[in-house]
Amino acid sequence: REAGIPVWVTVIRTVEEAFTSLARM
């Protein structure tokens, strides 16, 4: 990020979070 590169960090601990997180990503 300090080098100016956008980094998208996922938080996935459950199957339901996977669906929501991947769609947003």
PDB file of all heavy atoms in Angstrom:
ATOM      1  N   ARG A   1       0.834  -1.210   0.000  1.00  0.00           N
ATOM      2  CA  ARG A   1       0.000   0.000   0.000  1.00  0.00           C
ATOM      3  C   ARG A   1       0.860   1.248   0.000  1.00  0.00           C
ATOM      4  O   ARG A   1       0.543   2.229  -0.689  1.00  0.00           O
ATOM      5  CB  ARG A   1      -0.926  -0.028   1.209  1.00  0.00           C
ATOM      6  CG  ARG A   1      -2.087  -1.011   1.047  1.00  0.00           C
ATOM      7  CD  ARG A   1      -2.907  -1.141   2.315  1.00  0.00           C
ATOM      8  NE  ARG A   1      -4.130  -1.911   2.081  1.00  0.00           N
ATOM      9  CZ  ARG A   1      -4.818  -2.535   3.035  1.00  0.00           C
ATOM     10  NH1 ARG A   1      -4.399  -2.461   4.301  1.00  0.00           N
ATOM     11  NH2 ARG A   1      -5.904  -3.216   2.730  1.00  0.00           N
ATOM     12  N   GLU A   2       1.972   1.211   0.744  1.00  0.00           N
ATOM     13  CA  GLU A   2       2.864   2.377   0.767  1.00  0.00           C
ATOM     14  C   GLU A   2       3.527   2.603  -0.587  1.00  0.00           C
ATOM     15  O   GLU A   2       3.931   3.731  -0.900  1.00  0.00           O
ATOM     16  CB  GLU A   2       3.913   2.190   1.863  1.00  0.00           C
ATOM     17  CG  GLU A   2       3.335   2.300   3.271  1.00  0.00           C
ATOM     18  CD  GLU A   2       4.340   1.963   4.362  1.00  0.00           C
ATOM     19  OE1 GLU A   2       5.447   1.496   4.014  1.00  0.00           O
ATOM     20  OE2 GLU A   2       4.008   2.148   5.549  1.00  0.00           O
ATOM     21  N   ALA A   3       3.596   1.533  -1.384  1.00  0.00           N
ATOM     22  CA  ALA A   3       4.134   1.662  -2.740  1.00  0.00           C
ATOM     23  C   ALA A   3       3.074   2.141  -3.730  1.00  0.00           C
ATOM     24  O   ALA A   3       3.353   2.245  -4.934  1.00  0.00           O
ATOM     25  CB  ALA A   3       4.717   0.327  -3.198  1.00  0.00           C
ATOM     26  N   GLY A   4       1.887   2.421  -3.236  1.00  0.00           N
ATOM     27  CA  GLY A   4       0.829   2.949  -4.088  1.00  0.00           C
ATOM     28  C   GLY A   4      -0.033   1.897  -4.752  1.00  0.00           C
ATOM     29  O   GLY A   4      -0.798   2.210  -5.682  1.00  0.00           O
ATOM     30  N   ILE A   5       0.066   0.638  -4.293  1.00  0.00           N
ATOM     31  CA  ILE A   5      -0.701  -0.450  -4.901  1.00  0.00           C
ATOM     32  C   ILE A   5      -1.952  -0.721  -4.068  1.00  0.00           C
ATOM     33  O   ILE A   5      -1.859  -0.965  -2.864  1.00  0.00           O
ATOM     34  CB  ILE A   5       0.153  -1.728  -4.986  1.00  0.00           C
ATOM     35  CG1 ILE A   5       1.377  -1.475  -5.878  1.00  0.00           C
ATOM     36  CG2 ILE A   5      -0.666  -2.889  -5.528  1.00  0.00           C
ATOM     37  CD1 ILE A   5       2.373  -2.608  -5.863  1.00  0.00           C
ATOM     38  N   PRO A   6      -3.139  -0.704  -4.678  1.00  0.00           N
ATOM     39  CA  PRO A   6      -4.346  -1.027  -3.935  1.00  0.00           C
ATOM     40  C   PRO A   6      -4.366  -2.501  -3.533  1.00  0.00           C
ATOM     41  O   PRO A   6      -4.160  -3.376  -4.380  1.00  0.00           O
ATOM     42  CB  PRO A   6      -5.483  -0.722  -4.928  1.00  0.00           C
ATOM     43  CG  PRO A   6      -4.878   0.162  -5.960  1.00  0.00           C
ATOM     44  CD  PRO A   6      -3.447  -0.257  -6.049  1.00  0.00           C
ATOM     45  N   VAL A   7      -4.564  -2.778  -2.249  1.00  0.00           N
ATOM     46  CA  VAL A   7      -4.623  -4.141  -1.746  1.00  0.00           C
ATOM     47  C   VAL A   7      -5.993  -4.374  -1.122  1.00  0.00           C
ATOM     48  O   VAL A   7      -6.407  -3.626  -0.233  1.00  0.00           O
ATOM     49  CB  VAL A   7      -3.518  -4.422  -0.700  1.00  0.00           C
ATOM     50  CG1 VAL A   7      -3.594  -5.881  -0.234  1.00  0.00           C
ATOM     51  CG2 VAL A   7      -2.135  -4.111  -1.268  1.00  0.00           C
ATOM     52  N   TRP A   8      -6.674  -5.401  -1.610  1.00  0.00           N
ATOM     53  CA  TRP A   8      -7.984  -5.778  -1.069  1.00  0.00           C
ATOM     54  C   TRP A   8      -7.775  -7.013  -0.181  1.00  0.00           C
ATOM     55  O   TRP A   8      -7.311  -8.043  -0.644  1.00  0.00           O
ATOM     56  CB  TRP A   8      -8.952  -6.101  -2.192  1.00  0.00           C
ATOM     57  CG  TRP A   8     -10.338  -6.480  -1.735  1.00  0.00           C
ATOM     58  CD1 TRP A   8     -10.759  -7.717  -1.326  1.00  0.00           C
ATOM     59  CD2 TRP A   8     -11.476  -5.625  -1.638  1.00  0.00           C
ATOM     60  NE1 TRP A   8     -12.087  -7.689  -0.984  1.00  0.00           N
ATOM     61  CE2 TRP A   8     -12.565  -6.415  -1.172  1.00  0.00           C
ATOM     62  CE3 TRP A   8     -11.697  -4.275  -1.912  1.00  0.00           C
ATOM     63  CZ2 TRP A   8     -13.843  -5.889  -0.962  1.00  0.00           C
ATOM     64  CZ3 TRP A   8     -12.975  -3.753  -1.708  1.00  0.00           C
ATOM     65  CH2 TRP A   8     -14.029  -4.549  -1.240  1.00  0.00           C
ATOM     66  N   VAL A   9      -8.117  -6.881   1.107  1.00  0.00           N
ATOM     67  CA  VAL A   9      -7.906  -7.962   2.067  1.00  0.00           C
ATOM     68  C   VAL A   9      -9.250  -8.603   2.420  1.00  0.00           C
ATOM     69  O   VAL A   9     -10.185  -7.907   2.830  1.00  0.00           O
ATOM     70  CB  VAL A   9      -7.214  -7.456   3.344  1.00  0.00           C
ATOM     71  CG1 VAL A   9      -6.975  -8.615   4.319  1.00  0.00           C
ATOM     72  CG2 VAL A   9      -5.889  -6.781   3.000  1.00  0.00           C
ATOM     73  N   THR A  10      -9.331  -9.907   2.245  1.00  0.00           N
ATOM     74  CA  THR A  10     -10.547 -10.638   2.582  1.00  0.00           C
ATOM     75  C   THR A  10     -10.465 -11.185   4.002  1.00  0.00           C
ATOM     76  O   THR A  10      -9.389 -11.471   4.522  1.00  0.00           O
ATOM     77  CB  THR A  10     -10.770 -11.815   1.618  1.00  0.00           C
ATOM     78  OG1 THR A  10      -9.645 -12.702   1.697  1.00  0.00           O
ATOM     79  CG2 THR A  10     -10.926 -11.327   0.189  1.00  0.00           C
ATOM     80  N   VAL A  11     -11.631 -11.339   4.616  1.00  0.00           N
ATOM     81  CA  VAL A  11     -11.765 -12.001   5.917  1.00  0.00           C
ATOM     82  C   VAL A  11     -12.817 -13.083   5.738  1.00  0.00           C
ATOM     83  O   VAL A  11     -14.000 -12.787   5.572  1.00  0.00           O
ATOM     84  CB  VAL A  11     -12.184 -11.023   7.025  1.00  0.00           C
ATOM     85  CG1 VAL A  11     -12.403 -11.773   8.345  1.00  0.00           C
ATOM     86  CG2 VAL A  11     -11.138  -9.928   7.204  1.00  0.00           C
ATOM     87  N   ILE A  12     -12.388 -14.337   5.737  1.00  0.00           N
ATOM     88  CA  ILE A  12     -13.297 -15.457   5.455  1.00  0.00           C
ATOM     89  C   ILE A  12     -13.072 -16.535   6.506  1.00  0.00           C
ATOM     90  O   ILE A  12     -12.030 -17.193   6.517  1.00  0.00           O
ATOM     91  CB  ILE A  12     -13.081 -16.011   4.035  1.00  0.00           C
ATOM     92  CG1 ILE A  12     -13.393 -14.922   2.994  1.00  0.00           C
ATOM     93  CG2 ILE A  12     -13.947 -17.244   3.799  1.00  0.00           C
ATOM     94  CD1 ILE A  12     -13.105 -15.340   1.563  1.00  0.00           C
ATOM     95  N   ARG A  13     -14.057 -16.705   7.389  1.00  0.00           N
ATOM     96  CA  ARG A  13     -13.969 -17.710   8.448  1.00  0.00           C
ATOM     97  C   ARG A  13     -15.109 -18.710   8.396  1.00  0.00           C
ATOM     98  O   ARG A  13     -15.091 -19.706   9.110  1.00  0.00           O
ATOM     99  CB  ARG A  13     -13.955 -17.029   9.822  1.00  0.00           C
ATOM    100  CG  ARG A  13     -12.744 -16.144  10.075  1.00  0.00           C
ATOM    101  CD  ARG A  13     -13.006 -15.108  11.128  1.00  0.00           C
ATOM    102  NE  ARG A  13     -14.066 -14.194  10.691  1.00  0.00           N
ATOM    103  CZ  ARG A  13     -14.298 -13.000  11.230  1.00  0.00           C
ATOM    104  NH1 ARG A  13     -13.555 -12.574  12.231  1.00  0.00           N
ATOM    105  NH2 ARG A  13     -15.277 -12.239  10.778  1.00  0.00           N
ATOM    106  N   THR A  14     -16.115 -18.417   7.564  1.00  0.00           N
ATOM    107  CA  THR A  14     -17.265 -19.301   7.431  1.00  0.00           C
ATOM    108  C   THR A  14     -17.658 -19.403   5.963  1.00  0.00           C
ATOM    109  O   THR A  14     -17.240 -18.586   5.132  1.00  0.00           O
ATOM    110  CB  THR A  14     -18.478 -18.777   8.225  1.00  0.00           C
ATOM    111  OG1 THR A  14     -18.944 -17.559   7.612  1.00  0.00           O
ATOM    112  CG2 THR A  14     -18.133 -18.503   9.680  1.00  0.00           C
ATOM    113  N   VAL A  15     -18.472 -20.388   5.660  1.00  0.00           N
ATOM    114  CA  VAL A  15     -18.971 -20.547   4.293  1.00  0.00           C
ATOM    115  C   VAL A  15     -19.785 -19.325   3.896  1.00  0.00           C
ATOM    116  O   VAL A  15     -19.660 -18.802   2.779  1.00  0.00           O
ATOM    117  CB  VAL A  15     -19.801 -21.839   4.173  1.00  0.00           C
ATOM    118  CG1 VAL A  15     -20.472 -21.935   2.802  1.00  0.00           C
ATOM    119  CG2 VAL A  15     -18.918 -23.057   4.425  1.00  0.00           C
ATOM    120  N   GLU A  16     -20.622 -18.839   4.800  1.00  0.00           N
ATOM    121  CA  GLU A  16     -21.446 -17.669   4.487  1.00  0.00           C
ATOM    122  C   GLU A  16     -20.573 -16.447   4.226  1.00  0.00           C
ATOM    123  O   GLU A  16     -20.851 -15.653   3.304  1.00  0.00           O
ATOM    124  CB  GLU A  16     -22.417 -17.390   5.636  1.00  0.00           C
ATOM    125  CG  GLU A  16     -23.531 -16.420   5.279  1.00  0.00           C
ATOM    126  CD  GLU A  16     -24.403 -16.926   4.144  1.00  0.00           C
ATOM    127  OE1 GLU A  16     -24.724 -18.116   4.108  1.00  0.00           O
ATOM    128  OE2 GLU A  16     -24.773 -16.094   3.280  1.00  0.00           O
ATOM    129  N   GLU A  17     -19.527 -16.274   5.024  1.00  0.00           N
ATOM    130  CA  GLU A  17     -18.608 -15.155   4.770  1.00  0.00           C
ATOM    131  C   GLU A  17     -17.931 -15.294   3.414  1.00  0.00           C
ATOM    132  O   GLU A  17     -17.664 -14.285   2.747  1.00  0.00           O
ATOM    133  CB  GLU A  17     -17.551 -15.087   5.867  1.00  0.00           C
ATOM    134  CG  GLU A  17     -18.025 -14.437   7.153  1.00  0.00           C
ATOM    135  CD  GLU A  17     -16.915 -14.269   8.169  1.00  0.00           C
ATOM    136  OE1 GLU A  17     -15.878 -14.949   8.060  1.00  0.00           O
ATOM    137  OE2 GLU A  17     -17.094 -13.445   9.091  1.00  0.00           O
ATOM    138  N   ALA A  18     -17.664 -16.516   2.992  1.00  0.00           N
ATOM    139  CA  ALA A  18     -17.050 -16.720   1.683  1.00  0.00           C
ATOM    140  C   ALA A  18     -17.947 -16.180   0.578  1.00  0.00           C
ATOM    141  O   ALA A  18     -17.474 -15.483  -0.336  1.00  0.00           O
ATOM    142  CB  ALA A  18     -16.761 -18.202   1.458  1.00  0.00           C
ATOM    143  N   PHE A  19     -19.227 -16.498   0.639  1.00  0.00           N
ATOM    144  CA  PHE A  19     -20.146 -16.021  -0.401  1.00  0.00           C
ATOM    145  C   PHE A  19     -20.183 -14.495  -0.442  1.00  0.00           C
ATOM    146  O   PHE A  19     -20.085 -13.878  -1.503  1.00  0.00           O
ATOM    147  CB  PHE A  19     -21.555 -16.567  -0.160  1.00  0.00           C
ATOM    148  CG  PHE A  19     -21.649 -18.061  -0.197  1.00  0.00           C
ATOM    149  CD1 PHE A  19     -22.490 -18.740   0.676  1.00  0.00           C
ATOM    150  CD2 PHE A  19     -20.899 -18.803  -1.088  1.00  0.00           C
ATOM    151  CE1 PHE A  19     -22.582 -20.123   0.650  1.00  0.00           C
ATOM    152  CE2 PHE A  19     -20.982 -20.180  -1.124  1.00  0.00           C
ATOM    153  CZ  PHE A  19     -21.828 -20.841  -0.244  1.00  0.00           C
ATOM    154  N   THR A  20     -20.320 -13.885   0.721  1.00  0.00           N
ATOM    155  CA  THR A  20     -20.415 -12.420   0.789  1.00  0.00           C
ATOM    156  C   THR A  20     -19.107 -11.763   0.393  1.00  0.00           C
ATOM    157  O   THR A  20     -19.078 -10.805  -0.392  1.00  0.00           O
ATOM    158  CB  THR A  20     -20.804 -11.996   2.215  1.00  0.00           C
ATOM    159  OG1 THR A  20     -22.055 -12.597   2.566  1.00  0.00           O
ATOM    160  CG2 THR A  20     -20.937 -10.485   2.314  1.00  0.00           C
ATOM    161  N   SER A  21     -18.006 -12.274   0.926  1.00  0.00           N
ATOM    162  CA  SER A  21     -16.702 -11.670   0.676  1.00  0.00           C
ATOM    163  C   SER A  21     -16.301 -11.771  -0.794  1.00  0.00           C
ATOM    164  O   SER A  21     -15.803 -10.799  -1.390  1.00  0.00           O
ATOM    165  CB  SER A  21     -15.642 -12.334   1.560  1.00  0.00           C
ATOM    166  OG  SER A  21     -14.363 -11.814   1.304  1.00  0.00           O
ATOM    167  N   LEU A  22     -16.499 -12.944  -1.399  1.00  0.00           N
ATOM    168  CA  LEU A  22     -16.104 -13.117  -2.792  1.00  0.00           C
ATOM    169  C   LEU A  22     -16.944 -12.246  -3.720  1.00  0.00           C
ATOM    170  O   LEU A  22     -16.421 -11.664  -4.682  1.00  0.00           O
ATOM    171  CB  LEU A  22     -16.209 -14.586  -3.188  1.00  0.00           C
ATOM    172  CG  LEU A  22     -15.168 -15.509  -2.550  1.00  0.00           C
ATOM    173  CD1 LEU A  22     -15.510 -16.969  -2.832  1.00  0.00           C
ATOM    174  CD2 LEU A  22     -13.766 -15.184  -3.056  1.00  0.00           C
ATOM    175  N   ALA A  23     -18.233 -12.135  -3.448  1.00  0.00           N
ATOM    176  CA  ALA A  23     -19.083 -11.274  -4.277  1.00  0.00           C
ATOM    177  C   ALA A  23     -18.606  -9.830  -4.199  1.00  0.00           C
ATOM    178  O   ALA A  23     -18.495  -9.131  -5.225  1.00  0.00           O
ATOM    179  CB  ALA A  23     -20.540 -11.387  -3.833  1.00  0.00           C
ATOM    180  N   ARG A  24     -18.299  -9.359  -2.995  1.00  0.00           N
ATOM    181  CA  ARG A  24     -17.799  -7.991  -2.830  1.00  0.00           C
ATOM    182  C   ARG A  24     -16.449  -7.820  -3.516  1.00  0.00           C
ATOM    183  O   ARG A  24     -16.179  -6.785  -4.153  1.00  0.00           O
ATOM    184  CB  ARG A  24     -17.671  -7.645  -1.349  1.00  0.00           C
ATOM    185  CG  ARG A  24     -18.987  -7.537  -0.607  1.00  0.00           C
ATOM    186  CD  ARG A  24     -18.770  -7.113   0.843  1.00  0.00           C
ATOM    187  NE  ARG A  24     -18.257  -5.757   0.901  1.00  0.00           N
ATOM    188  CZ  ARG A  24     -17.045  -5.412   1.332  1.00  0.00           C
ATOM    189  NH1 ARG A  24     -16.188  -6.337   1.720  1.00  0.00           N
ATOM    190  NH2 ARG A  24     -16.668  -4.146   1.359  1.00  0.00           N
ATOM    191  N   MET A  25     -15.583  -8.816  -3.389  1.00  0.00           N
ATOM    192  CA  MET A  25     -14.262  -8.726  -3.998  1.00  0.00           C
ATOM    193  C   MET A  25     -14.355  -8.558  -5.515  1.00  0.00           C
ATOM    194  O   MET A  25     -13.679  -7.700  -6.108  1.00  0.00           O
ATOM    195  CB  MET A  25     -13.443  -9.980  -3.660  1.00  0.00           C
ATOM    196  CG  MET A  25     -12.030  -9.977  -4.213  1.00  0.00           C
ATOM    197  SD  MET A  25     -11.219 -11.589  -4.041  1.00  0.00           S
ATOM    198  CE  MET A  25     -11.939 -12.463  -5.464  1.00  0.00           C
TER     199      MET A  25
END
